[in-house]
């Protein structure tokens, strides 16, 4: 059995997995963003409770962290949304859990590793998360490309808009993350609500019919699937920007596939036509033959990726 910890921007999941990727037991709780020491203590406590009697028989524990990571030293270099810097993740959990085999990786890199081990596989592919932000990873010849300073695959900070750019959390303008992440789509949704009376009326009607409806990217997807022109246009625009970023990656690494994960990937079919239009416009002919697929790992892609860290060299 394998231990897995997925520390995300808003939530954390601890779990015990089988070596085939079955989730035996798991526990989810909010991420305490303002203090990594406090959150790591909570996480370790939840993991011990989750693992129970299994803890002494675990082959190891894989841990995802939401930022740039030095996997060799087990250090989180920088998590922008939490403003955590130079965090000794492996050292902390080795001591807290009394487990020596602890592996630490950037969460999206883990998703790509999980795709190789438990998902659709492939020797050459790009993995992009569309969630709170846009993370990315590149696999070439079955090897994850990390880069000399551990920041390869930063698709979220490729520039995709210059004429009317939105400010990104990194401080730059026009990054993919500022134009086509779940956070960006939600912000654009709210901006449209402030000036589009027809959309606002539709939202209020939907909220009456469905009290669980939320004014976020997922909720916007419900409206788009229901035929809202404004909602569809927001997703088409997000697809255009995503397609631009993907086209840059295709020209650089010429992969066989692009896997998309994260909550907004559920709206892939709404974005796919614009994605392919941008690929057609911006990609060299030899790199255009590519499959764009939603990951089969679903909601637990990052968690399964954390576990997969223990199964690879």
C-alpha atoms as a PDB file:
ATOM      1  CA  UNK A   1       0.000   0.000   0.000  1.00  0.00           C
ATOM      2  CA  UNK A   2       0.992   3.623  -0.616  1.00  0.00           C
ATOM      3  CA  UNK A   3       0.414   6.853   1.267  1.00  0.00           C
ATOM      4  CA  UNK A   4      -0.640   9.946  -0.677  1.00  0.00           C
ATOM      5  CA  UNK A   5      -1.007  13.570   0.400  1.00  0.00           C
ATOM      6  CA  UNK A   6      -2.288  16.218  -1.994  1.00  0.00           C
ATOM      7  CA  UNK A   7      -1.823  19.730  -0.581  1.00  0.00           C
ATOM      8  CA  UNK A   8      -3.773  22.085  -2.822  1.00  0.00           C
ATOM      9  CA  UNK A   9      -4.470  25.785  -2.848  1.00  0.00           C
ATOM     10  CA  UNK A  10      -7.831  25.465  -1.110  1.00  0.00           C
ATOM     11  CA  UNK A  11      -8.100  21.829   0.004  1.00  0.00           C
ATOM     12  CA  UNK A  12      -5.861  18.984   1.137  1.00  0.00           C
ATOM     13  CA  UNK A  13      -6.515  15.252   0.790  1.00  0.00           C
ATOM     14  CA  UNK A  14      -4.726  12.445   2.629  1.00  0.00           C
ATOM     15  CA  UNK A  15      -5.180   8.851   1.518  1.00  0.00           C
ATOM     16  CA  UNK A  16      -3.993   5.275   1.473  1.00  0.00           C
ATOM     17  CA  UNK A  17      -3.913   3.723  -2.016  1.00  0.00           C
ATOM     18  CA  UNK A  18      -3.363   0.272  -3.426  1.00  0.00           C
ATOM     19  CA  UNK A  19      -0.509  -0.136  -5.884  1.00  0.00           C
ATOM     20  CA  UNK A  20      -3.085  -0.293  -8.687  1.00  0.00           C
ATOM     21  CA  UNK A  21      -4.388   3.164  -7.781  1.00  0.00           C
ATOM     22  CA  UNK A  22      -7.485   2.181  -5.812  1.00  0.00           C
ATOM     23  CA  UNK A  23      -8.302   4.659  -3.030  1.00  0.00           C
ATOM     24  CA  UNK A  24      -8.670   2.529   0.097  1.00  0.00           C
ATOM     25  CA  UNK A  25      -9.405   5.396   2.480  1.00  0.00           C
ATOM     26  CA  UNK A  26      -9.170   9.167   2.179  1.00  0.00           C
ATOM     27  CA  UNK A  27      -9.874  12.347   4.096  1.00  0.00           C
ATOM     28  CA  UNK A  28     -10.343  15.912   2.804  1.00  0.00           C
ATOM     29  CA  UNK A  29     -10.041  19.184   4.717  1.00  0.00           C
ATOM     30  CA  UNK A  30      -9.329  22.883   4.018  1.00  0.00           C
ATOM     31  CA  UNK A  31      -5.775  24.104   3.403  1.00  0.00           C
ATOM     32  CA  UNK A  32      -4.594  26.598   6.033  1.00  0.00           C
ATOM     33  CA  UNK A  33      -2.853  28.979   3.665  1.00  0.00           C
ATOM     34  CA  UNK A  34      -1.478  31.579   6.055  1.00  0.00           C
ATOM     35  CA  UNK A  35       0.822  29.233   8.007  1.00  0.00           C
ATOM     36  CA  UNK A  36       2.549  26.172   6.524  1.00  0.00           C
ATOM     37  CA  UNK A  37       3.695  24.853   9.929  1.00  0.00           C
ATOM     38  CA  UNK A  38       0.142  24.862  11.257  1.00  0.00           C
ATOM     39  CA  UNK A  39      -1.204  23.258   8.108  1.00  0.00           C
ATOM     40  CA  UNK A  40       1.482  20.573   7.975  1.00  0.00           C
ATOM     41  CA  UNK A  41       0.726  19.610  11.591  1.00  0.00           C
ATOM     42  CA  UNK A  42      -2.981  19.306  10.767  1.00  0.00           C
ATOM     43  CA  UNK A  43      -2.116  17.310   7.636  1.00  0.00           C
ATOM     44  CA  UNK A  44       0.157  14.908   9.501  1.00  0.00           C
ATOM     45  CA  UNK A  45      -2.518  14.359  12.165  1.00  0.00           C
ATOM     46  CA  UNK A  46      -5.164  13.656   9.528  1.00  0.00           C
ATOM     47  CA  UNK A  47      -2.840  11.328   7.618  1.00  0.00           C
ATOM     48  CA  UNK A  48      -2.061   9.259  10.726  1.00  0.00           C
ATOM     49  CA  UNK A  49      -5.783   9.050  11.495  1.00  0.00           C
ATOM     50  CA  UNK A  50      -6.537   8.137   7.883  1.00  0.00           C
ATOM     51  CA  UNK A  51      -3.797   5.491   7.631  1.00  0.00           C
ATOM     52  CA  UNK A  52      -4.535   3.958  11.020  1.00  0.00           C
ATOM     53  CA  UNK A  53      -3.069   0.472  11.361  1.00  0.00           C
ATOM     54  CA  UNK A  54      -1.849   0.579   7.742  1.00  0.00           C
ATOM     55  CA  UNK A  55       0.809   3.207   8.475  1.00  0.00           C
ATOM     56  CA  UNK A  56       3.583   0.759   9.379  1.00  0.00           C
ATOM     57  CA  UNK A  57       3.097  -1.266   6.180  1.00  0.00           C
ATOM     58  CA  UNK A  58       3.154   1.638   3.711  1.00  0.00           C
ATOM     59  CA  UNK A  59       5.787   1.500   0.966  1.00  0.00           C
ATOM     60  CA  UNK A  60       6.152   5.271   1.295  1.00  0.00           C
ATOM     61  CA  UNK A  61       4.244   8.535   1.106  1.00  0.00           C
ATOM     62  CA  UNK A  62       4.064  10.788  -1.953  1.00  0.00           C
ATOM     63  CA  UNK A  63       3.287  14.436  -1.291  1.00  0.00           C
ATOM     64  CA  UNK A  64       2.096  17.089  -3.727  1.00  0.00           C
ATOM     65  CA  UNK A  65       2.645  20.764  -3.034  1.00  0.00           C
ATOM     66  CA  UNK A  66       1.116  23.720  -4.927  1.00  0.00           C
ATOM     67  CA  UNK A  67       4.186  25.424  -6.308  1.00  0.00           C
ATOM     68  CA  UNK A  68       7.718  25.227  -7.634  1.00  0.00           C
ATOM     69  CA  UNK A  69       9.451  22.225  -6.068  1.00  0.00           C
ATOM     70  CA  UNK A  70      12.952  20.792  -5.795  1.00  0.00           C
ATOM     71  CA  UNK A  71      11.985  17.119  -5.759  1.00  0.00           C
ATOM     72  CA  UNK A  72      15.594  15.982  -5.174  1.00  0.00           C
ATOM     73  CA  UNK A  73      15.794  17.841  -1.857  1.00  0.00           C
ATOM     74  CA  UNK A  74      12.096  17.571  -1.036  1.00  0.00           C
ATOM     75  CA  UNK A  75      11.719  21.343  -0.730  1.00  0.00           C
ATOM     76  CA  UNK A  76       8.833  23.565  -1.784  1.00  0.00           C
ATOM     77  CA  UNK A  77      10.641  26.527  -3.318  1.00  0.00           C
ATOM     78  CA  UNK A  78       7.664  28.840  -3.724  1.00  0.00           C
ATOM     79  CA  UNK A  79       3.873  28.496  -3.588  1.00  0.00           C
ATOM     80  CA  UNK A  80       2.507  31.802  -4.957  1.00  0.00           C
ATOM     81  CA  UNK A  81      -1.082  31.538  -3.727  1.00  0.00           C
ATOM     82  CA  UNK A  82       0.051  30.748  -0.156  1.00  0.00           C
ATOM     83  CA  UNK A  83       3.267  32.784  -0.299  1.00  0.00           C
ATOM     84  CA  UNK A  84       5.150  29.812   1.180  1.00  0.00           C
ATOM     85  CA  UNK A  85       8.887  29.851   0.463  1.00  0.00           C
ATOM     86  CA  UNK A  86      11.701  27.321   0.984  1.00  0.00           C
ATOM     87  CA  UNK A  87       9.575  24.881   2.964  1.00  0.00           C
ATOM     88  CA  UNK A  88      11.354  21.630   4.011  1.00  0.00           C
ATOM     89  CA  UNK A  89       8.440  19.346   3.161  1.00  0.00           C
ATOM     90  CA  UNK A  90      10.237  15.990   3.133  1.00  0.00           C
ATOM     91  CA  UNK A  91      12.150  16.716   6.332  1.00  0.00           C
ATOM     92  CA  UNK A  92       8.995  17.772   8.151  1.00  0.00           C
ATOM     93  CA  UNK A  93       6.915  14.736   7.200  1.00  0.00           C
ATOM     94  CA  UNK A  94       9.731  12.256   7.707  1.00  0.00           C
ATOM     95  CA  UNK A  95       9.860  13.376  11.326  1.00  0.00           C
ATOM     96  CA  UNK A  96       6.112  13.870  11.781  1.00  0.00           C
ATOM     97  CA  UNK A  97       5.126  10.472  10.323  1.00  0.00           C
ATOM     98  CA  UNK A  98       8.261   8.458  11.190  1.00  0.00           C
ATOM     99  CA  UNK A  99       8.390   7.288   7.571  1.00  0.00           C
ATOM    100  CA  UNK A 100      11.687   7.526   5.679  1.00  0.00           C
ATOM    101  CA  UNK A 101      10.459   7.074   2.083  1.00  0.00           C
ATOM    102  CA  UNK A 102       8.837  10.471   1.476  1.00  0.00           C
ATOM    103  CA  UNK A 103       8.745  11.886  -2.064  1.00  0.00           C
ATOM    104  CA  UNK A 104       7.737  15.477  -2.813  1.00  0.00           C
ATOM    105  CA  UNK A 105       6.655  16.934  -6.143  1.00  0.00           C
ATOM    106  CA  UNK A 106       4.848  19.866  -7.701  1.00  0.00           C
ATOM    107  CA  UNK A 107       1.163  18.972  -7.941  1.00  0.00           C
ATOM    108  CA  UNK A 108       0.862  19.232 -11.720  1.00  0.00           C
ATOM    109  CA  UNK A 109       4.074  17.258 -12.277  1.00  0.00           C
ATOM    110  CA  UNK A 110       2.484  14.580 -10.092  1.00  0.00           C
ATOM    111  CA  UNK A 111      -0.629  14.651 -12.278  1.00  0.00           C
ATOM    112  CA  UNK A 112       1.543  13.910 -15.309  1.00  0.00           C
ATOM    113  CA  UNK A 113       3.298  11.074 -13.468  1.00  0.00           C
ATOM    114  CA  UNK A 114      -0.098   9.730 -12.387  1.00  0.00           C
ATOM    115  CA  UNK A 115      -1.237   9.837 -16.012  1.00  0.00           C
ATOM    116  CA  UNK A 116       1.748   7.687 -16.982  1.00  0.00           C
ATOM    117  CA  UNK A 117       1.185   5.180 -14.165  1.00  0.00           C
ATOM    118  CA  UNK A 118      -2.600   5.019 -13.720  1.00  0.00           C
ATOM    119  CA  UNK A 119      -4.162   6.982 -16.611  1.00  0.00           C
ATOM    120  CA  UNK A 120      -4.078   7.168 -20.381  1.00  0.00           C
ATOM    121  CA  UNK A 121      -0.315   6.814 -20.518  1.00  0.00           C
ATOM    122  CA  UNK A 122       1.869   7.800 -23.424  1.00  0.00           C
ATOM    123  CA  UNK A 123       5.546   8.559 -23.914  1.00  0.00           C
ATOM    124  CA  UNK A 124       5.196  12.153 -25.138  1.00  0.00           C
ATOM    125  CA  UNK A 125       2.447  14.381 -23.793  1.00  0.00           C
ATOM    126  CA  UNK A 126       1.583  17.686 -22.147  1.00  0.00           C
ATOM    127  CA  UNK A 127      -0.561  17.879 -19.001  1.00  0.00           C
ATOM    128  CA  UNK A 128      -2.429  21.120 -18.206  1.00  0.00           C
ATOM    129  CA  UNK A 129      -4.591  21.841 -15.182  1.00  0.00           C
ATOM    130  CA  UNK A 130      -7.485  24.281 -15.529  1.00  0.00           C
ATOM    131  CA  UNK A 131      -8.488  25.050 -11.959  1.00  0.00           C
ATOM    132  CA  UNK A 132      -7.716  27.851  -9.496  1.00  0.00           C
ATOM    133  CA  UNK A 133      -4.713  28.472 -11.745  1.00  0.00           C
ATOM    134  CA  UNK A 134      -3.200  26.855 -14.830  1.00  0.00           C
ATOM    135  CA  UNK A 135      -0.376  24.442 -14.133  1.00  0.00           C
ATOM    136  CA  UNK A 136       1.469  22.406 -16.717  1.00  0.00           C
ATOM    137  CA  UNK A 137       3.894  19.547 -17.188  1.00  0.00           C
ATOM    138  CA  UNK A 138       5.779  18.098 -20.155  1.00  0.00           C
ATOM    139  CA  UNK A 139       6.641  14.414 -20.609  1.00  0.00           C
ATOM    140  CA  UNK A 140       9.120  13.512 -23.372  1.00  0.00           C
ATOM    141  CA  UNK A 141      10.338   9.972 -24.039  1.00  0.00           C
ATOM    142  CA  UNK A 142       8.554   8.863 -20.836  1.00  0.00           C
ATOM    143  CA  UNK A 143      10.563  11.346 -18.761  1.00  0.00           C
ATOM    144  CA  UNK A 144       9.141  14.327 -16.903  1.00  0.00           C
ATOM    145  CA  UNK A 145      10.943  17.512 -17.983  1.00  0.00           C
ATOM    146  CA  UNK A 146      11.689  19.525 -14.844  1.00  0.00           C
ATOM    147  CA  UNK A 147      14.220  22.137 -16.001  1.00  0.00           C
ATOM    148  CA  UNK A 148      17.420  23.352 -14.375  1.00  0.00           C
ATOM    149  CA  UNK A 149      15.536  25.499 -11.843  1.00  0.00           C
ATOM    150  CA  UNK A 150      12.502  23.204 -11.462  1.00  0.00           C
ATOM    151  CA  UNK A 151      10.047  25.397 -13.386  1.00  0.00           C
ATOM    152  CA  UNK A 152       9.603  23.609 -16.729  1.00  0.00           C
ATOM    153  CA  UNK A 153       6.033  23.381 -17.994  1.00  0.00           C
ATOM    154  CA  UNK A 154       4.779  26.700 -16.592  1.00  0.00           C
ATOM    155  CA  UNK A 155       1.977  26.956 -19.142  1.00  0.00           C
ATOM    156  CA  UNK A 156      -0.003  29.209 -16.831  1.00  0.00           C
ATOM    157  CA  UNK A 157       2.473  32.024 -17.381  1.00  0.00           C
ATOM    158  CA  UNK A 158       2.742  31.878 -21.149  1.00  0.00           C
ATOM    159  CA  UNK A 159       1.551  35.188 -22.584  1.00  0.00           C
ATOM    160  CA  UNK A 160      -1.641  34.692 -24.584  1.00  0.00           C
ATOM    161  CA  UNK A 161      -3.132  38.229 -24.682  1.00  0.00           C
ATOM    162  CA  UNK A 162      -1.397  41.525 -25.390  1.00  0.00           C
ATOM    163  CA  UNK A 163      -4.107  43.945 -26.549  1.00  0.00           C
ATOM    164  CA  UNK A 164      -6.470  43.646 -23.544  1.00  0.00           C
ATOM    165  CA  UNK A 165      -4.498  41.684 -20.965  1.00  0.00           C
ATOM    166  CA  UNK A 166      -5.714  40.879 -17.471  1.00  0.00           C
ATOM    167  CA  UNK A 167      -3.328  41.092 -14.526  1.00  0.00           C
ATOM    168  CA  UNK A 168      -1.988  37.745 -13.332  1.00  0.00           C
ATOM    169  CA  UNK A 169      -1.251  36.726  -9.736  1.00  0.00           C
ATOM    170  CA  UNK A 170       2.429  36.510 -10.759  1.00  0.00           C
ATOM    171  CA  UNK A 171       2.426  40.286 -11.367  1.00  0.00           C
ATOM    172  CA  UNK A 172       2.578  40.072 -15.162  1.00  0.00           C
ATOM    173  CA  UNK A 173      -0.212  40.764 -17.648  1.00  0.00           C
ATOM    174  CA  UNK A 174      -1.934  38.514 -20.190  1.00  0.00           C
ATOM    175  CA  UNK A 175      -0.758  35.156 -18.800  1.00  0.00           C
ATOM    176  CA  UNK A 176      -2.894  32.104 -19.556  1.00  0.00           C
ATOM    177  CA  UNK A 177      -3.733  31.907 -15.843  1.00  0.00           C
ATOM    178  CA  UNK A 178      -5.187  35.417 -15.894  1.00  0.00           C
ATOM    179  CA  UNK A 179      -7.268  34.696 -19.007  1.00  0.00           C
ATOM    180  CA  UNK A 180      -8.342  31.044 -18.894  1.00  0.00           C
ATOM    181  CA  UNK A 181      -8.137  29.572 -15.380  1.00  0.00           C
ATOM    182  CA  UNK A 182     -11.177  28.754 -13.274  1.00  0.00           C
ATOM    183  CA  UNK A 183     -10.458  31.905 -11.265  1.00  0.00           C
ATOM    184  CA  UNK A 184     -10.301  34.047 -14.427  1.00  0.00           C
ATOM    185  CA  UNK A 185     -13.486  32.531 -15.866  1.00  0.00           C
ATOM    186  CA  UNK A 186     -15.304  33.219 -12.576  1.00  0.00           C
ATOM    187  CA  UNK A 187     -14.072  36.841 -12.578  1.00  0.00           C
ATOM    188  CA  UNK A 188     -15.232  37.371 -16.176  1.00  0.00           C
ATOM    189  CA  UNK A 189     -18.585  35.772 -15.287  1.00  0.00           C
ATOM    190  CA  UNK A 190     -19.067  38.291 -12.468  1.00  0.00           C
ATOM    191  CA  UNK A 191     -18.065  41.182 -14.712  1.00  0.00           C
ATOM    192  CA  UNK A 192     -20.675  40.094 -17.262  1.00  0.00           C
ATOM    193  CA  UNK A 193     -23.312  39.823 -14.542  1.00  0.00           C
ATOM    194  CA  UNK A 194     -22.741  43.485 -13.686  1.00  0.00           C
ATOM    195  CA  UNK A 195     -23.646  44.642 -17.207  1.00  0.00           C
ATOM    196  CA  UNK A 196     -25.703  41.874 -18.821  1.00  0.00           C
ATOM    197  CA  UNK A 197     -29.284  41.960 -17.501  1.00  0.00           C
ATOM    198  CA  UNK A 198     -30.320  38.893 -19.484  1.00  0.00           C
ATOM    199  CA  UNK A 199     -27.506  36.819 -17.958  1.00  0.00           C
ATOM    200  CA  UNK A 200     -28.328  38.115 -14.463  1.00  0.00           C
ATOM    201  CA  UNK A 201     -31.982  37.180 -14.918  1.00  0.00           C
ATOM    202  CA  UNK A 202     -30.991  33.688 -16.073  1.00  0.00           C
ATOM    203  CA  UNK A 203     -28.696  33.251 -13.062  1.00  0.00           C
ATOM    204  CA  UNK A 204     -31.410  34.299 -10.608  1.00  0.00           C
ATOM    205  CA  UNK A 205     -33.900  31.919 -12.214  1.00  0.00           C
ATOM    206  CA  UNK A 206     -31.334  29.106 -12.048  1.00  0.00           C
ATOM    207  CA  UNK A 207     -30.613  29.848  -8.378  1.00  0.00           C
ATOM    208  CA  UNK A 208     -34.337  29.567  -7.573  1.00  0.00           C
ATOM    209  CA  UNK A 209     -34.557  26.204  -9.309  1.00  0.00           C
ATOM    210  CA  UNK A 210     -31.243  24.945  -7.948  1.00  0.00           C
ATOM    211  CA  UNK A 211     -30.172  26.309  -4.524  1.00  0.00           C
ATOM    212  CA  UNK A 212     -26.801  24.547  -4.971  1.00  0.00           C
ATOM    213  CA  UNK A 213     -25.962  26.668  -8.035  1.00  0.00           C
ATOM    214  CA  UNK A 214     -22.815  28.789  -7.619  1.00  0.00           C
ATOM    215  CA  UNK A 215     -21.667  31.801  -9.593  1.00  0.00           C
ATOM    216  CA  UNK A 216     -18.347  30.219 -10.541  1.00  0.00           C
ATOM    217  CA  UNK A 217     -16.826  28.490 -13.564  1.00  0.00           C
ATOM    218  CA  UNK A 218     -18.763  25.295 -12.860  1.00  0.00           C
ATOM    219  CA  UNK A 219     -22.023  27.209 -12.644  1.00  0.00           C
ATOM    220  CA  UNK A 220     -21.187  29.051 -15.849  1.00  0.00           C
ATOM    221  CA  UNK A 221     -20.705  25.674 -17.517  1.00  0.00           C
ATOM    222  CA  UNK A 222     -24.246  24.696 -16.526  1.00  0.00           C
ATOM    223  CA  UNK A 223     -25.550  27.884 -18.154  1.00  0.00           C
ATOM    224  CA  UNK A 224     -23.478  27.278 -21.282  1.00  0.00           C
ATOM    225  CA  UNK A 225     -24.756  23.723 -21.648  1.00  0.00           C
ATOM    226  CA  UNK A 226     -28.264  25.167 -21.265  1.00  0.00           C
ATOM    227  CA  UNK A 227     -27.658  27.413 -24.275  1.00  0.00           C
ATOM    228  CA  UNK A 228     -26.704  30.782 -22.756  1.00  0.00           C
ATOM    229  CA  UNK A 229     -24.936  32.736 -25.506  1.00  0.00           C
ATOM    230  CA  UNK A 230     -22.949  34.826 -23.019  1.00  0.00           C
ATOM    231  CA  UNK A 231     -21.778  31.763 -21.093  1.00  0.00           C
ATOM    232  CA  UNK A 232     -20.835  29.992 -24.324  1.00  0.00           C
ATOM    233  CA  UNK A 233     -18.867  33.029 -25.483  1.00  0.00           C
ATOM    234  CA  UNK A 234     -16.883  33.133 -22.214  1.00  0.00           C
ATOM    235  CA  UNK A 235     -15.878  29.500 -22.679  1.00  0.00           C
ATOM    236  CA  UNK A 236     -15.077  30.016 -26.352  1.00  0.00           C
ATOM    237  CA  UNK A 237     -12.748  32.866 -25.399  1.00  0.00           C
ATOM    238  CA  UNK A 238     -11.145  30.734 -22.675  1.00  0.00           C
ATOM    239  CA  UNK A 239     -10.655  28.003 -25.277  1.00  0.00           C
ATOM    240  CA  UNK A 240      -8.978  30.452 -27.636  1.00  0.00           C
ATOM    241  CA  UNK A 241      -6.407  31.405 -25.014  1.00  0.00           C
ATOM    242  CA  UNK A 242      -5.899  27.798 -23.971  1.00  0.00           C
ATOM    243  CA  UNK A 243      -5.377  26.852 -27.610  1.00  0.00           C
ATOM    244  CA  UNK A 244      -2.704  29.530 -27.989  1.00  0.00           C
ATOM    245  CA  UNK A 245      -0.802  28.216 -24.984  1.00  0.00           C
ATOM    246  CA  UNK A 246      -1.125  24.625 -26.185  1.00  0.00           C
ATOM    247  CA  UNK A 247       0.120  25.583 -29.661  1.00  0.00           C
ATOM    248  CA  UNK A 248       3.324  26.975 -28.132  1.00  0.00           C
ATOM    249  CA  UNK A 249       3.845  23.665 -26.343  1.00  0.00           C
ATOM    250  CA  UNK A 250       3.189  21.666 -29.503  1.00  0.00           C
ATOM    251  CA  UNK A 251       5.823  23.634 -31.413  1.00  0.00           C
ATOM    252  CA  UNK A 252       8.352  23.090 -28.643  1.00  0.00           C
ATOM    253  CA  UNK A 253       7.846  19.432 -27.677  1.00  0.00           C
ATOM    254  CA  UNK A 254       5.722  17.866 -30.480  1.00  0.00           C
ATOM    255  CA  UNK A 255       3.703  15.573 -28.180  1.00  0.00           C
ATOM    256  CA  UNK A 256       1.255  12.859 -29.155  1.00  0.00           C
ATOM    257  CA  UNK A 257      -1.406  14.016 -26.691  1.00  0.00           C
ATOM    258  CA  UNK A 258      -2.467  16.865 -24.438  1.00  0.00           C
ATOM    259  CA  UNK A 259      -4.255  15.861 -21.235  1.00  0.00           C
ATOM    260  CA  UNK A 260      -6.431  18.429 -19.481  1.00  0.00           C
ATOM    261  CA  UNK A 261      -7.372  18.135 -15.821  1.00  0.00           C
ATOM    262  CA  UNK A 262      -8.881  20.283 -13.087  1.00  0.00           C
ATOM    263  CA  UNK A 263     -12.505  21.252 -12.556  1.00  0.00           C
ATOM    264  CA  UNK A 264     -12.827  23.421 -15.675  1.00  0.00           C
ATOM    265  CA  UNK A 265     -11.657  20.566 -17.909  1.00  0.00           C
ATOM    266  CA  UNK A 266     -15.240  19.261 -17.557  1.00  0.00           C
ATOM    267  CA  UNK A 267     -16.144  22.067 -19.984  1.00  0.00           C
ATOM    268  CA  UNK A 268     -13.608  20.809 -22.558  1.00  0.00           C
ATOM    269  CA  UNK A 269     -16.225  20.208 -25.251  1.00  0.00           C
ATOM    270  CA  UNK A 270     -17.292  23.869 -25.010  1.00  0.00           C
ATOM    271  CA  UNK A 271     -13.702  25.020 -25.551  1.00  0.00           C
ATOM    272  CA  UNK A 272     -12.423  22.386 -27.963  1.00  0.00           C
ATOM    273  CA  UNK A 273     -13.413  24.056 -31.277  1.00  0.00           C
ATOM    274  CA  UNK A 274     -11.505  27.225 -30.367  1.00  0.00           C
ATOM    275  CA  UNK A 275      -8.552  25.225 -29.066  1.00  0.00           C
ATOM    276  CA  UNK A 276      -8.209  23.473 -32.420  1.00  0.00           C
ATOM    277  CA  UNK A 277      -8.616  26.758 -34.323  1.00  0.00           C
ATOM    278  CA  UNK A 278      -5.631  28.224 -32.449  1.00  0.00           C
ATOM    279  CA  UNK A 279      -3.595  25.073 -33.004  1.00  0.00           C
ATOM    280  CA  UNK A 280      -4.351  25.290 -36.720  1.00  0.00           C
ATOM    281  CA  UNK A 281      -3.276  28.960 -36.850  1.00  0.00           C
ATOM    282  CA  UNK A 282      -0.176  28.821 -34.659  1.00  0.00           C
ATOM    283  CA  UNK A 283       1.366  25.349 -34.907  1.00  0.00           C
ATOM    284  CA  UNK A 284       3.806  24.037 -37.499  1.00  0.00           C
ATOM    285  CA  UNK A 285       2.154  21.365 -39.716  1.00  0.00           C
ATOM    286  CA  UNK A 286       4.234  18.467 -38.371  1.00  0.00           C
ATOM    287  CA  UNK A 287       3.073  19.160 -34.769  1.00  0.00           C
ATOM    288  CA  UNK A 288      -0.654  19.618 -35.437  1.00  0.00           C
ATOM    289  CA  UNK A 289      -1.553  15.939 -35.232  1.00  0.00           C
ATOM    290  CA  UNK A 290      -2.365  15.799 -31.542  1.00  0.00           C
ATOM    291  CA  UNK A 291      -5.177  14.456 -29.364  1.00  0.00           C
ATOM    292  CA  UNK A 292      -6.704  16.831 -26.799  1.00  0.00           C
ATOM    293  CA  UNK A 293      -8.165  14.677 -24.026  1.00  0.00           C
ATOM    294  CA  UNK A 294      -9.711  15.133 -20.613  1.00  0.00           C
ATOM    295  CA  UNK A 295      -7.761  13.056 -18.099  1.00  0.00           C
ATOM    296  CA  UNK A 296      -9.358   9.765 -17.092  1.00  0.00           C
ATOM    297  CA  UNK A 297      -8.069  10.273 -13.540  1.00  0.00           C
ATOM    298  CA  UNK A 298     -10.834  12.788 -12.825  1.00  0.00           C
ATOM    299  CA  UNK A 299     -11.136  14.641  -9.529  1.00  0.00           C
ATOM    300  CA  UNK A 300      -8.412  12.540  -7.896  1.00  0.00           C
ATOM    301  CA  UNK A 301      -5.730  13.079 -10.558  1.00  0.00           C
ATOM    302  CA  UNK A 302      -3.352  14.905  -8.218  1.00  0.00           C
ATOM    303  CA  UNK A 303      -3.929  12.466  -5.350  1.00  0.00           C
ATOM    304  CA  UNK A 304      -3.245   9.470  -7.588  1.00  0.00           C
ATOM    305  CA  UNK A 305      -0.197  11.300  -8.909  1.00  0.00           C
ATOM    306  CA  UNK A 306       1.115  11.675  -5.367  1.00  0.00           C
ATOM    307  CA  UNK A 307       0.801   7.937  -4.867  1.00  0.00           C
ATOM    308  CA  UNK A 308       2.460   7.261  -8.223  1.00  0.00           C
ATOM    309  CA  UNK A 309       5.589   9.033  -6.978  1.00  0.00           C
ATOM    310  CA  UNK A 310       6.298   5.990  -4.811  1.00  0.00           C
ATOM    311  CA  UNK A 311       6.014   3.597  -7.762  1.00  0.00           C
ATOM    312  CA  UNK A 312       8.563   5.280 -10.046  1.00  0.00           C
ATOM    313  CA  UNK A 313      12.329   5.489  -9.685  1.00  0.00           C
END
